[in-house]
Every structure is written in structure tokens, then in C-alpha cells.
N, C-alpha and C. Protein backbone atom coordinates (compact mmCIF):
# COMPACT_ATOMS: atom_id res chain seq x y z
N UNK A 1 -198.96 52.62 136.35
CA UNK A 1 -199.85 52.41 135.21
C UNK A 1 -199.76 50.98 134.69
N UNK A 2 -200.87 50.43 134.29
CA UNK A 2 -200.90 49.06 133.78
C UNK A 2 -201.04 49.06 132.26
N UNK A 3 -200.64 47.94 131.69
CA UNK A 3 -200.82 47.70 130.25
C UNK A 3 -200.12 48.72 129.35
N UNK A 4 -198.95 49.18 129.78
CA UNK A 4 -198.14 50.01 128.90
C UNK A 4 -196.68 49.97 129.35
N UNK A 5 -195.80 50.29 128.40
CA UNK A 5 -194.38 50.31 128.67
C UNK A 5 -194.02 51.56 129.47
N UNK A 6 -193.07 51.39 130.37
CA UNK A 6 -192.54 52.53 131.12
C UNK A 6 -191.04 52.59 130.87
N UNK A 7 -190.53 53.76 130.65
CA UNK A 7 -189.09 53.93 130.43
C UNK A 7 -188.51 54.72 131.61
N UNK A 8 -187.57 54.09 132.29
CA UNK A 8 -186.90 54.73 133.41
C UNK A 8 -185.47 55.05 133.03
N UNK A 9 -185.01 56.19 133.48
CA UNK A 9 -183.60 56.55 133.32
C UNK A 9 -183.11 56.99 134.69
N UNK A 10 -182.09 56.30 135.19
CA UNK A 10 -181.52 56.59 136.50
C UNK A 10 -180.09 57.04 136.31
N UNK A 11 -179.76 58.18 136.87
CA UNK A 11 -178.41 58.71 136.82
C UNK A 11 -177.92 58.72 138.27
N UNK A 12 -176.84 58.00 138.53
CA UNK A 12 -176.37 57.88 139.91
C UNK A 12 -174.85 57.91 139.95
N UNK A 13 -174.33 58.54 140.95
CA UNK A 13 -172.89 58.49 141.19
C UNK A 13 -172.69 57.81 142.53
N UNK A 14 -172.04 56.65 142.49
CA UNK A 14 -171.80 55.88 143.71
C UNK A 14 -170.68 56.53 144.51
N UNK A 15 -170.97 56.87 145.75
CA UNK A 15 -169.96 57.45 146.63
C UNK A 15 -170.43 57.37 148.08
N UNK A 16 -169.50 57.11 148.98
CA UNK A 16 -169.81 57.14 150.41
C UNK A 16 -169.90 58.58 150.91
N UNK A 17 -169.35 59.51 150.17
CA UNK A 17 -169.34 60.92 150.54
C UNK A 17 -170.61 61.60 150.04
N UNK A 18 -171.46 62.11 150.94
CA UNK A 18 -172.72 62.73 150.50
C UNK A 18 -172.52 63.99 149.67
N UNK A 19 -171.34 64.59 149.69
CA UNK A 19 -171.10 65.75 148.82
C UNK A 19 -170.67 65.32 147.42
N UNK A 20 -170.39 64.03 147.23
CA UNK A 20 -169.99 63.50 145.92
C UNK A 20 -171.10 62.67 145.26
N UNK A 21 -171.81 61.86 146.06
CA UNK A 21 -172.84 60.98 145.51
C UNK A 21 -174.11 61.74 145.16
N UNK A 22 -174.85 61.22 144.17
CA UNK A 22 -176.12 61.85 143.81
C UNK A 22 -176.98 60.87 143.03
N UNK A 23 -178.27 61.20 142.91
CA UNK A 23 -179.21 60.46 142.07
C UNK A 23 -180.10 61.45 141.32
N UNK A 24 -180.58 61.01 140.17
CA UNK A 24 -181.62 61.69 139.40
C UNK A 24 -182.43 60.59 138.75
N UNK A 25 -183.74 60.78 138.59
CA UNK A 25 -184.58 59.76 137.98
C UNK A 25 -185.61 60.40 137.06
N UNK A 26 -185.73 59.79 135.87
CA UNK A 26 -186.76 60.19 134.91
C UNK A 26 -187.65 58.99 134.62
N UNK A 27 -188.93 59.23 134.38
CA UNK A 27 -189.86 58.19 133.94
C UNK A 27 -190.58 58.72 132.71
N UNK A 28 -190.45 57.99 131.62
CA UNK A 28 -191.07 58.38 130.35
C UNK A 28 -190.71 59.81 129.95
N UNK A 29 -189.46 60.19 130.21
CA UNK A 29 -188.97 61.51 129.81
C UNK A 29 -189.24 62.62 130.81
N UNK A 30 -190.08 62.38 131.82
CA UNK A 30 -190.37 63.40 132.83
C UNK A 30 -189.55 63.17 134.08
N UNK A 31 -188.95 64.22 134.61
CA UNK A 31 -188.12 64.11 135.80
C UNK A 31 -189.00 63.81 137.01
N UNK A 32 -188.67 62.75 137.73
CA UNK A 32 -189.42 62.38 138.93
C UNK A 32 -188.63 62.69 140.19
N UNK A 33 -187.31 62.58 140.13
CA UNK A 33 -186.44 62.95 141.25
C UNK A 33 -185.35 63.84 140.68
N UNK A 34 -185.33 65.08 141.11
CA UNK A 34 -184.31 66.01 140.65
C UNK A 34 -182.95 65.67 141.24
N UNK A 35 -181.93 66.37 140.79
CA UNK A 35 -180.57 66.15 141.25
C UNK A 35 -180.53 66.24 142.77
N UNK A 36 -180.21 65.11 143.42
CA UNK A 36 -180.21 65.03 144.88
C UNK A 36 -178.90 64.46 145.36
N UNK A 37 -178.17 65.22 146.13
CA UNK A 37 -176.90 64.75 146.70
C UNK A 37 -177.17 63.91 147.94
N UNK A 38 -176.48 62.78 148.02
CA UNK A 38 -176.55 61.91 149.19
C UNK A 38 -175.48 60.83 149.07
N UNK A 39 -175.20 60.17 150.19
CA UNK A 39 -174.27 59.03 150.17
C UNK A 39 -175.00 57.86 149.52
N UNK A 40 -174.54 57.46 148.35
CA UNK A 40 -175.20 56.39 147.61
C UNK A 40 -174.51 55.05 147.79
N UNK A 41 -173.34 55.05 148.42
CA UNK A 41 -172.59 53.80 148.61
C UNK A 41 -171.88 53.85 149.97
N UNK A 42 -172.65 53.81 151.07
CA UNK A 42 -172.00 53.84 152.38
C UNK A 42 -170.99 52.70 152.51
N UNK A 43 -169.86 53.00 153.11
CA UNK A 43 -168.78 52.01 153.19
C UNK A 43 -169.15 50.80 154.06
N UNK A 44 -170.14 50.94 154.93
CA UNK A 44 -170.54 49.81 155.78
C UNK A 44 -171.68 48.99 155.17
N UNK A 45 -172.04 49.25 153.92
CA UNK A 45 -173.13 48.56 153.23
C UNK A 45 -172.71 48.13 151.83
N UNK A 46 -173.22 47.00 151.38
CA UNK A 46 -173.07 46.64 149.97
C UNK A 46 -174.03 47.51 149.16
N UNK A 47 -173.70 47.80 147.94
CA UNK A 47 -174.62 48.56 147.08
C UNK A 47 -174.75 47.82 145.77
N UNK A 48 -175.93 47.95 145.18
CA UNK A 48 -176.24 47.23 143.95
C UNK A 48 -177.38 47.92 143.24
N UNK A 49 -177.59 47.52 142.01
CA UNK A 49 -178.72 48.00 141.22
C UNK A 49 -179.57 46.80 140.87
N UNK A 50 -180.85 46.89 141.12
CA UNK A 50 -181.76 45.77 140.87
C UNK A 50 -182.98 46.29 140.13
N UNK A 51 -183.45 45.50 139.19
CA UNK A 51 -184.64 45.86 138.42
C UNK A 51 -185.71 44.83 138.71
N UNK A 52 -186.94 45.29 138.92
CA UNK A 52 -188.03 44.35 139.16
C UNK A 52 -189.26 45.07 139.66
N UNK A 53 -190.16 44.31 140.24
CA UNK A 53 -191.39 44.87 140.79
C UNK A 53 -191.50 44.42 142.24
N UNK A 54 -191.81 45.34 143.12
CA UNK A 54 -191.97 45.05 144.53
C UNK A 54 -193.41 45.37 144.91
N UNK A 55 -194.02 44.48 145.65
CA UNK A 55 -195.38 44.73 146.11
C UNK A 55 -195.73 43.75 147.23
N UNK A 56 -196.86 43.98 147.85
CA UNK A 56 -197.33 43.10 148.90
C UNK A 56 -197.83 41.79 148.29
N UNK A 57 -197.97 40.79 149.12
CA UNK A 57 -198.49 39.50 148.62
C UNK A 57 -199.95 39.64 148.20
N UNK A 58 -200.26 39.02 147.09
CA UNK A 58 -201.65 38.97 146.65
C UNK A 58 -201.82 37.76 145.75
N UNK A 59 -203.05 37.41 145.50
CA UNK A 59 -203.33 36.25 144.66
C UNK A 59 -203.46 36.64 143.18
N UNK A 60 -203.24 37.92 142.89
CA UNK A 60 -203.37 38.38 141.50
C UNK A 60 -202.16 37.95 140.67
N UNK A 61 -202.36 37.91 139.38
CA UNK A 61 -201.30 37.51 138.46
C UNK A 61 -200.64 38.76 137.88
N UNK A 62 -199.34 38.74 137.83
CA UNK A 62 -198.59 39.88 137.30
C UNK A 62 -197.53 39.38 136.33
N UNK A 63 -197.41 40.05 135.22
CA UNK A 63 -196.35 39.75 134.26
C UNK A 63 -195.54 41.02 134.08
N UNK A 64 -194.24 40.91 134.25
CA UNK A 64 -193.34 42.04 134.06
C UNK A 64 -192.36 41.67 132.95
N UNK A 65 -192.26 42.51 131.95
CA UNK A 65 -191.30 42.31 130.88
C UNK A 65 -190.17 43.32 131.08
N UNK A 66 -188.97 42.83 131.26
CA UNK A 66 -187.81 43.70 131.34
C UNK A 66 -187.15 43.70 129.98
N UNK A 67 -187.08 44.86 129.36
CA UNK A 67 -186.57 44.93 128.00
C UNK A 67 -185.28 45.75 127.96
N UNK A 68 -184.15 45.05 127.92
CA UNK A 68 -182.85 45.65 127.66
C UNK A 68 -182.44 46.69 128.69
N UNK A 69 -182.26 46.26 129.92
CA UNK A 69 -181.66 47.15 130.91
C UNK A 69 -180.23 47.41 130.47
N UNK A 70 -179.84 48.68 130.47
CA UNK A 70 -178.50 49.06 130.03
C UNK A 70 -177.81 49.79 131.16
N UNK A 71 -176.59 49.41 131.43
CA UNK A 71 -175.78 50.09 132.44
C UNK A 71 -174.58 50.69 131.73
N UNK A 72 -174.40 51.98 131.92
CA UNK A 72 -173.26 52.66 131.28
C UNK A 72 -172.40 53.27 132.37
N UNK A 73 -171.11 53.16 132.18
CA UNK A 73 -170.17 53.81 133.09
C UNK A 73 -169.58 55.01 132.36
N UNK A 74 -169.75 56.16 132.95
CA UNK A 74 -169.22 57.38 132.35
C UNK A 74 -168.03 57.81 133.18
N UNK A 75 -166.89 57.88 132.55
CA UNK A 75 -165.67 58.28 133.23
C UNK A 75 -165.34 59.70 132.82
N UNK A 76 -165.22 60.60 133.82
CA UNK A 76 -164.94 62.00 133.46
C UNK A 76 -163.58 62.18 132.81
């Protein structure tokens, strides 16, 4: 959607073990990806979190405002 704010919430547990790692994603309060178990941090790969916009090359103009990305670590 254009010309409006979007709120994303990503819940992820980093783990090389697919029985331990998982992701969940919400957009504007609606669940887009339910609780999904998978290896989120394979030991043979670097892992990171990145915020931005990805798209094909075009001559159009795009402005993206990133407003207060927050990363929280929850320790059980």
C-alpha cells in the first residue's frame, strides 16, 4: 500500500536447530505469517535483521521513512 504507515511486528528465535527456531509476522495488527518452526540461523551462514525496501530497478521516485525500529531481546 502507498501513502500510509505500515506497522510490522516480527517475532523470531535465532537457532540453527529447526525444532528451536521460529518466526511469526504481523502487519498492522493482522497476522501474516503464523508460528513457523525453521532453522533461522544456520551455522554455515551469517544472520542479520535488515529494514528497508526491495524492488526491481525503475526510474520512479520512492521515499521510505523508517520510524523507530526497535529490537528487543527476551530472555526466558
